[in-house]
């Protein structure tokens, strides 16, 4: 589906939040739709009281969602209630547009609940899941919302190698998909990138 054909529902209780998001998305070629219409993707402010319930309702209609939140706890809750993507609300416009495209294509998960770096899946957890250092690198990128192509570029790997490593990570963690892997990472933590 071409980007100009993507129909986006913005669910936010705050009028100014909704209007700001609609303005950003419409300027980038997306088409806004109303509640009664069938969207290709939804952007939901889960800091609203009804946000989590809205996500569950969208999931029941098989509508992928970008969940916006300022809080780490709300993001974990959104993922548990099957939001496809979770991001912090202070997003740059281009990043938001990119996430809407990813959600619509169902290709990746992006999780960022706040400015703090993710805490580390410690050595004990890495040992428990028998994760190699390279698999930990891939898992860190996966949980940060990178696509396979982005992981390949960041880690200087062939895309085919990344695909195999992602599959191995999912198998070692005992999860079915990237959403479940990210949930586990955020529950147990993730090692910080080596900055040396």
C-alpha atoms as a PDB file:
ATOM      1  CA  UNK A   1       0.000   0.000   0.000  1.00  0.00           C
ATOM      2  CA  UNK A   2       1.354   3.436  -0.899  1.00  0.00           C
ATOM      3  CA  UNK A   3       1.887   5.818   1.980  1.00  0.00           C
ATOM      4  CA  UNK A   4      -0.643   8.289   0.562  1.00  0.00           C
ATOM      5  CA  UNK A   5      -3.217   5.524   0.827  1.00  0.00           C
ATOM      6  CA  UNK A   6      -2.624   4.885   4.531  1.00  0.00           C
ATOM      7  CA  UNK A   7      -5.674   5.820   6.581  1.00  0.00           C
ATOM      8  CA  UNK A   8      -4.788   6.801  10.142  1.00  0.00           C
ATOM      9  CA  UNK A   9      -7.059   7.085  13.160  1.00  0.00           C
ATOM     10  CA  UNK A  10      -5.771   9.336  15.951  1.00  0.00           C
ATOM     11  CA  UNK A  11      -7.285   8.531  19.346  1.00  0.00           C
ATOM     12  CA  UNK A  12      -6.472  11.177  21.943  1.00  0.00           C
ATOM     13  CA  UNK A  13      -8.793  12.730  24.503  1.00  0.00           C
ATOM     14  CA  UNK A  14      -6.931  16.029  24.464  1.00  0.00           C
ATOM     15  CA  UNK A  15      -8.152  18.149  21.558  1.00  0.00           C
ATOM     16  CA  UNK A  16      -4.802  19.901  21.062  1.00  0.00           C
ATOM     17  CA  UNK A  17      -2.861  16.598  21.137  1.00  0.00           C
ATOM     18  CA  UNK A  18      -5.179  15.098  18.546  1.00  0.00           C
ATOM     19  CA  UNK A  19      -5.028  18.163  16.280  1.00  0.00           C
ATOM     20  CA  UNK A  20      -1.231  18.365  16.528  1.00  0.00           C
ATOM     21  CA  UNK A  21      -0.829  14.698  15.616  1.00  0.00           C
ATOM     22  CA  UNK A  22      -3.292  14.985  12.737  1.00  0.00           C
ATOM     23  CA  UNK A  23      -1.460  18.034  11.387  1.00  0.00           C
ATOM     24  CA  UNK A  24       1.895  16.225  11.504  1.00  0.00           C
ATOM     25  CA  UNK A  25       0.540  13.120   9.782  1.00  0.00           C
ATOM     26  CA  UNK A  26      -1.530  14.900   7.125  1.00  0.00           C
ATOM     27  CA  UNK A  27       1.472  17.023   6.147  1.00  0.00           C
ATOM     28  CA  UNK A  28       3.323  13.791   5.464  1.00  0.00           C
ATOM     29  CA  UNK A  29       0.693  12.345   3.146  1.00  0.00           C
ATOM     30  CA  UNK A  30      -1.404  10.237   5.519  1.00  0.00           C
ATOM     31  CA  UNK A  31      -5.197  10.408   5.435  1.00  0.00           C
ATOM     32  CA  UNK A  32      -7.050  11.000   8.713  1.00  0.00           C
ATOM     33  CA  UNK A  33     -10.154   8.913   9.335  1.00  0.00           C
ATOM     34  CA  UNK A  34     -12.943   9.171  11.886  1.00  0.00           C
ATOM     35  CA  UNK A  35     -13.883   6.694  14.608  1.00  0.00           C
ATOM     36  CA  UNK A  36     -16.534   4.915  12.528  1.00  0.00           C
ATOM     37  CA  UNK A  37     -14.211   4.282   9.567  1.00  0.00           C
ATOM     38  CA  UNK A  38     -11.779   1.391   9.074  1.00  0.00           C
ATOM     39  CA  UNK A  39      -8.204   2.680   9.598  1.00  0.00           C
ATOM     40  CA  UNK A  40      -5.041   0.991   8.322  1.00  0.00           C
ATOM     41  CA  UNK A  41      -3.234   2.047  11.488  1.00  0.00           C
ATOM     42  CA  UNK A  42      -4.108   3.924  14.683  1.00  0.00           C
ATOM     43  CA  UNK A  43      -2.144   6.330  16.851  1.00  0.00           C
ATOM     44  CA  UNK A  44      -3.404   6.096  20.442  1.00  0.00           C
ATOM     45  CA  UNK A  45      -2.496   8.275  23.422  1.00  0.00           C
ATOM     46  CA  UNK A  46      -2.417   5.642  26.172  1.00  0.00           C
ATOM     47  CA  UNK A  47      -1.958   8.240  28.898  1.00  0.00           C
ATOM     48  CA  UNK A  48      -5.677   8.944  28.440  1.00  0.00           C
ATOM     49  CA  UNK A  49      -7.929   7.100  30.878  1.00  0.00           C
ATOM     50  CA  UNK A  50      -9.508   5.039  28.101  1.00  0.00           C
ATOM     51  CA  UNK A  51      -6.290   4.454  26.148  1.00  0.00           C
ATOM     52  CA  UNK A  52      -5.605   0.826  27.111  1.00  0.00           C
ATOM     53  CA  UNK A  53      -9.225  -0.169  26.450  1.00  0.00           C
ATOM     54  CA  UNK A  54      -9.030   1.576  23.071  1.00  0.00           C
ATOM     55  CA  UNK A  55      -5.951  -0.469  22.199  1.00  0.00           C
ATOM     56  CA  UNK A  56      -7.726  -3.697  23.097  1.00  0.00           C
ATOM     57  CA  UNK A  57     -10.692  -2.711  20.935  1.00  0.00           C
ATOM     58  CA  UNK A  58      -8.429  -1.891  17.993  1.00  0.00           C
ATOM     59  CA  UNK A  59      -6.594  -5.187  18.397  1.00  0.00           C
ATOM     60  CA  UNK A  60      -9.905  -7.047  18.275  1.00  0.00           C
ATOM     61  CA  UNK A  61     -10.438  -5.380  14.878  1.00  0.00           C
ATOM     62  CA  UNK A  62      -6.866  -6.320  13.814  1.00  0.00           C
ATOM     63  CA  UNK A  63      -5.800  -2.666  13.513  1.00  0.00           C
ATOM     64  CA  UNK A  64      -2.083  -2.121  14.211  1.00  0.00           C
ATOM     65  CA  UNK A  65      -1.434   0.699  16.677  1.00  0.00           C
ATOM     66  CA  UNK A  66       1.267   3.157  17.650  1.00  0.00           C
ATOM     67  CA  UNK A  67       0.828   3.731  21.387  1.00  0.00           C
ATOM     68  CA  UNK A  68       2.022   7.109  22.671  1.00  0.00           C
ATOM     69  CA  UNK A  69       3.045   7.474  26.310  1.00  0.00           C
ATOM     70  CA  UNK A  70       5.414   9.358  28.587  1.00  0.00           C
ATOM     71  CA  UNK A  71       5.648   6.552  31.128  1.00  0.00           C
ATOM     72  CA  UNK A  72       7.572   3.288  31.098  1.00  0.00           C
ATOM     73  CA  UNK A  73       4.822   1.556  33.069  1.00  0.00           C
ATOM     74  CA  UNK A  74       2.165   2.599  30.581  1.00  0.00           C
ATOM     75  CA  UNK A  75       4.264   1.270  27.709  1.00  0.00           C
ATOM     76  CA  UNK A  76       4.631  -2.136  29.366  1.00  0.00           C
ATOM     77  CA  UNK A  77       0.878  -2.142  29.897  1.00  0.00           C
ATOM     78  CA  UNK A  78       0.245  -1.201  26.284  1.00  0.00           C
ATOM     79  CA  UNK A  79       2.407  -4.049  25.052  1.00  0.00           C
ATOM     80  CA  UNK A  80       0.683  -6.442  27.420  1.00  0.00           C
ATOM     81  CA  UNK A  81      -2.626  -5.309  25.921  1.00  0.00           C
ATOM     82  CA  UNK A  82      -1.203  -6.000  22.457  1.00  0.00           C
ATOM     83  CA  UNK A  83      -0.283  -2.598  21.131  1.00  0.00           C
ATOM     84  CA  UNK A  84       1.868  -3.160  18.071  1.00  0.00           C
ATOM     85  CA  UNK A  85       4.195  -0.284  18.855  1.00  0.00           C
ATOM     86  CA  UNK A  86       4.905   1.928  21.858  1.00  0.00           C
ATOM     87  CA  UNK A  87       6.743   5.237  21.798  1.00  0.00           C
ATOM     88  CA  UNK A  88       7.156   8.313  23.976  1.00  0.00           C
ATOM     89  CA  UNK A  89       4.929  11.241  23.191  1.00  0.00           C
ATOM     90  CA  UNK A  90       7.658  13.785  22.456  1.00  0.00           C
ATOM     91  CA  UNK A  91       8.450  12.355  19.034  1.00  0.00           C
ATOM     92  CA  UNK A  92       9.995  14.217  16.166  1.00  0.00           C
ATOM     93  CA  UNK A  93       7.472  14.397  13.292  1.00  0.00           C
ATOM     94  CA  UNK A  94       9.566  12.297  10.903  1.00  0.00           C
ATOM     95  CA  UNK A  95      10.046   9.574  13.508  1.00  0.00           C
ATOM     96  CA  UNK A  96       6.299   9.430  14.144  1.00  0.00           C
ATOM     97  CA  UNK A  97       5.628   9.153  10.393  1.00  0.00           C
ATOM     98  CA  UNK A  98       8.227   6.381  10.170  1.00  0.00           C
ATOM     99  CA  UNK A  99       6.566   4.477  13.023  1.00  0.00           C
ATOM    100  CA  UNK A 100       3.140   4.774  11.416  1.00  0.00           C
ATOM    101  CA  UNK A 101       4.582   3.269   8.219  1.00  0.00           C
ATOM    102  CA  UNK A 102       6.185   0.439  10.209  1.00  0.00           C
ATOM    103  CA  UNK A 103       2.981  -0.259  12.108  1.00  0.00           C
ATOM    104  CA  UNK A 104       1.000  -0.425   8.885  1.00  0.00           C
ATOM    105  CA  UNK A 105       3.514  -2.840   7.342  1.00  0.00           C
ATOM    106  CA  UNK A 106       3.655  -4.864  10.605  1.00  0.00           C
ATOM    107  CA  UNK A 107       7.422  -5.155  10.191  1.00  0.00           C
ATOM    108  CA  UNK A 108       8.909  -3.911  13.464  1.00  0.00           C
ATOM    109  CA  UNK A 109       8.451  -2.931  17.067  1.00  0.00           C
ATOM    110  CA  UNK A 110       9.668   0.360  18.497  1.00  0.00           C
ATOM    111  CA  UNK A 111       9.702   0.830  22.252  1.00  0.00           C
ATOM    112  CA  UNK A 112      10.863   4.007  23.951  1.00  0.00           C
ATOM    113  CA  UNK A 113       9.059   5.040  27.084  1.00  0.00           C
ATOM    114  CA  UNK A 114      11.318   7.786  28.339  1.00  0.00           C
ATOM    115  CA  UNK A 115      14.712   9.421  28.036  1.00  0.00           C
ATOM    116  CA  UNK A 116      16.499   6.918  30.291  1.00  0.00           C
ATOM    117  CA  UNK A 117      18.395   4.060  28.609  1.00  0.00           C
ATOM    118  CA  UNK A 118      17.011   0.578  29.017  1.00  0.00           C
ATOM    119  CA  UNK A 119      18.400  -1.187  32.057  1.00  0.00           C
ATOM    120  CA  UNK A 120      20.381  -4.324  31.373  1.00  0.00           C
ATOM    121  CA  UNK A 121      19.317  -7.895  30.952  1.00  0.00           C
ATOM    122  CA  UNK A 122      22.072  -8.901  33.393  1.00  0.00           C
ATOM    123  CA  UNK A 123      24.583 -11.668  33.020  1.00  0.00           C
ATOM    124  CA  UNK A 124      22.380 -14.110  34.933  1.00  0.00           C
ATOM    125  CA  UNK A 125      19.480 -13.539  32.550  1.00  0.00           C
ATOM    126  CA  UNK A 126      21.787 -13.779  29.534  1.00  0.00           C
ATOM    127  CA  UNK A 127      23.125 -17.061  30.890  1.00  0.00           C
ATOM    128  CA  UNK A 128      19.620 -18.317  31.698  1.00  0.00           C
ATOM    129  CA  UNK A 129      18.558 -17.840  28.075  1.00  0.00           C
ATOM    130  CA  UNK A 130      21.961 -18.967  26.730  1.00  0.00           C
ATOM    131  CA  UNK A 131      22.320 -15.772  24.684  1.00  0.00           C
ATOM    132  CA  UNK A 132      25.616 -15.131  22.922  1.00  0.00           C
ATOM    133  CA  UNK A 133      27.117 -11.602  22.918  1.00  0.00           C
ATOM    134  CA  UNK A 134      26.043 -11.157  19.268  1.00  0.00           C
ATOM    135  CA  UNK A 135      22.508 -12.317  20.059  1.00  0.00           C
ATOM    136  CA  UNK A 136      22.394  -9.791  22.912  1.00  0.00           C
ATOM    137  CA  UNK A 137      23.433  -7.056  20.454  1.00  0.00           C
ATOM    138  CA  UNK A 138      20.636  -8.075  18.090  1.00  0.00           C
ATOM    139  CA  UNK A 139      18.115  -8.314  20.930  1.00  0.00           C
ATOM    140  CA  UNK A 140      19.061  -4.831  22.145  1.00  0.00           C
ATOM    141  CA  UNK A 141      18.442  -3.428  18.659  1.00  0.00           C
ATOM    142  CA  UNK A 142      15.227  -5.404  18.251  1.00  0.00           C
ATOM    143  CA  UNK A 143      13.859  -4.072  21.544  1.00  0.00           C
ATOM    144  CA  UNK A 144      14.789  -0.536  20.490  1.00  0.00           C
ATOM    145  CA  UNK A 145      12.536  -0.918  17.458  1.00  0.00           C
ATOM    146  CA  UNK A 146      15.104  -1.413  14.717  1.00  0.00           C
ATOM    147  CA  UNK A 147      14.060  -3.216  11.561  1.00  0.00           C
ATOM    148  CA  UNK A 148      16.235  -6.068  10.289  1.00  0.00           C
ATOM    149  CA  UNK A 149      17.791  -3.710   7.744  1.00  0.00           C
ATOM    150  CA  UNK A 150      18.604  -1.162  10.453  1.00  0.00           C
ATOM    151  CA  UNK A 151      20.103  -3.872  12.679  1.00  0.00           C
ATOM    152  CA  UNK A 152      22.232  -5.093   9.772  1.00  0.00           C
ATOM    153  CA  UNK A 153      23.566  -1.577   9.159  1.00  0.00           C
ATOM    154  CA  UNK A 154      24.198  -0.860  12.846  1.00  0.00           C
ATOM    155  CA  UNK A 155      25.970  -4.163  13.567  1.00  0.00           C
ATOM    156  CA  UNK A 156      27.680  -4.447  10.148  1.00  0.00           C
ATOM    157  CA  UNK A 157      25.992  -7.759   9.349  1.00  0.00           C
ATOM    158  CA  UNK A 158      24.389  -9.216   6.261  1.00  0.00           C
ATOM    159  CA  UNK A 159      20.568  -8.958   6.320  1.00  0.00           C
ATOM    160  CA  UNK A 160      20.347 -12.761   6.029  1.00  0.00           C
ATOM    161  CA  UNK A 161      22.526 -13.111   9.148  1.00  0.00           C
ATOM    162  CA  UNK A 162      20.282 -10.704  11.061  1.00  0.00           C
ATOM    163  CA  UNK A 163      17.198 -12.673  10.073  1.00  0.00           C
ATOM    164  CA  UNK A 164      18.788 -15.877  11.422  1.00  0.00           C
ATOM    165  CA  UNK A 165      19.939 -14.155  14.628  1.00  0.00           C
ATOM    166  CA  UNK A 166      16.482 -12.683  15.267  1.00  0.00           C
ATOM    167  CA  UNK A 167      14.921 -16.121  14.814  1.00  0.00           C
ATOM    168  CA  UNK A 168      17.507 -17.609  17.189  1.00  0.00           C
ATOM    169  CA  UNK A 169      16.811 -14.892  19.793  1.00  0.00           C
ATOM    170  CA  UNK A 170      13.080 -15.576  19.658  1.00  0.00           C
ATOM    171  CA  UNK A 171      13.689 -19.306  20.005  1.00  0.00           C
ATOM    172  CA  UNK A 172      16.077 -18.886  22.956  1.00  0.00           C
ATOM    173  CA  UNK A 173      13.671 -16.559  24.741  1.00  0.00           C
ATOM    174  CA  UNK A 174      10.767 -18.903  24.046  1.00  0.00           C
ATOM    175  CA  UNK A 175       8.627 -16.182  22.478  1.00  0.00           C
ATOM    176  CA  UNK A 176       6.612 -16.136  19.266  1.00  0.00           C
ATOM    177  CA  UNK A 177       7.303 -12.656  17.922  1.00  0.00           C
ATOM    178  CA  UNK A 178       9.087  -9.334  18.358  1.00  0.00           C
ATOM    179  CA  UNK A 179       6.333  -7.927  20.577  1.00  0.00           C
ATOM    180  CA  UNK A 180       6.733 -10.758  23.083  1.00  0.00           C
ATOM    181  CA  UNK A 181      10.530 -10.433  22.926  1.00  0.00           C
ATOM    182  CA  UNK A 182      10.337  -6.710  23.695  1.00  0.00           C
ATOM    183  CA  UNK A 183       7.956  -7.382  26.578  1.00  0.00           C
ATOM    184  CA  UNK A 184      10.391  -9.877  28.067  1.00  0.00           C
ATOM    185  CA  UNK A 185      13.326  -7.502  27.568  1.00  0.00           C
ATOM    186  CA  UNK A 186      11.515  -4.702  29.365  1.00  0.00           C
ATOM    187  CA  UNK A 187      10.431  -6.998  32.186  1.00  0.00           C
ATOM    188  CA  UNK A 188      13.941  -8.330  32.785  1.00  0.00           C
ATOM    189  CA  UNK A 189      16.060  -5.477  31.448  1.00  0.00           C
ATOM    190  CA  UNK A 190      18.627  -5.281  28.666  1.00  0.00           C
ATOM    191  CA  UNK A 191      22.398  -4.765  28.637  1.00  0.00           C
ATOM    192  CA  UNK A 192      23.526  -1.304  27.661  1.00  0.00           C
ATOM    193  CA  UNK A 193      25.493  -0.889  24.487  1.00  0.00           C
ATOM    194  CA  UNK A 194      29.252  -1.094  24.791  1.00  0.00           C
ATOM    195  CA  UNK A 195      30.484   2.485  24.461  1.00  0.00           C
ATOM    196  CA  UNK A 196      34.191   1.619  24.495  1.00  0.00           C
END
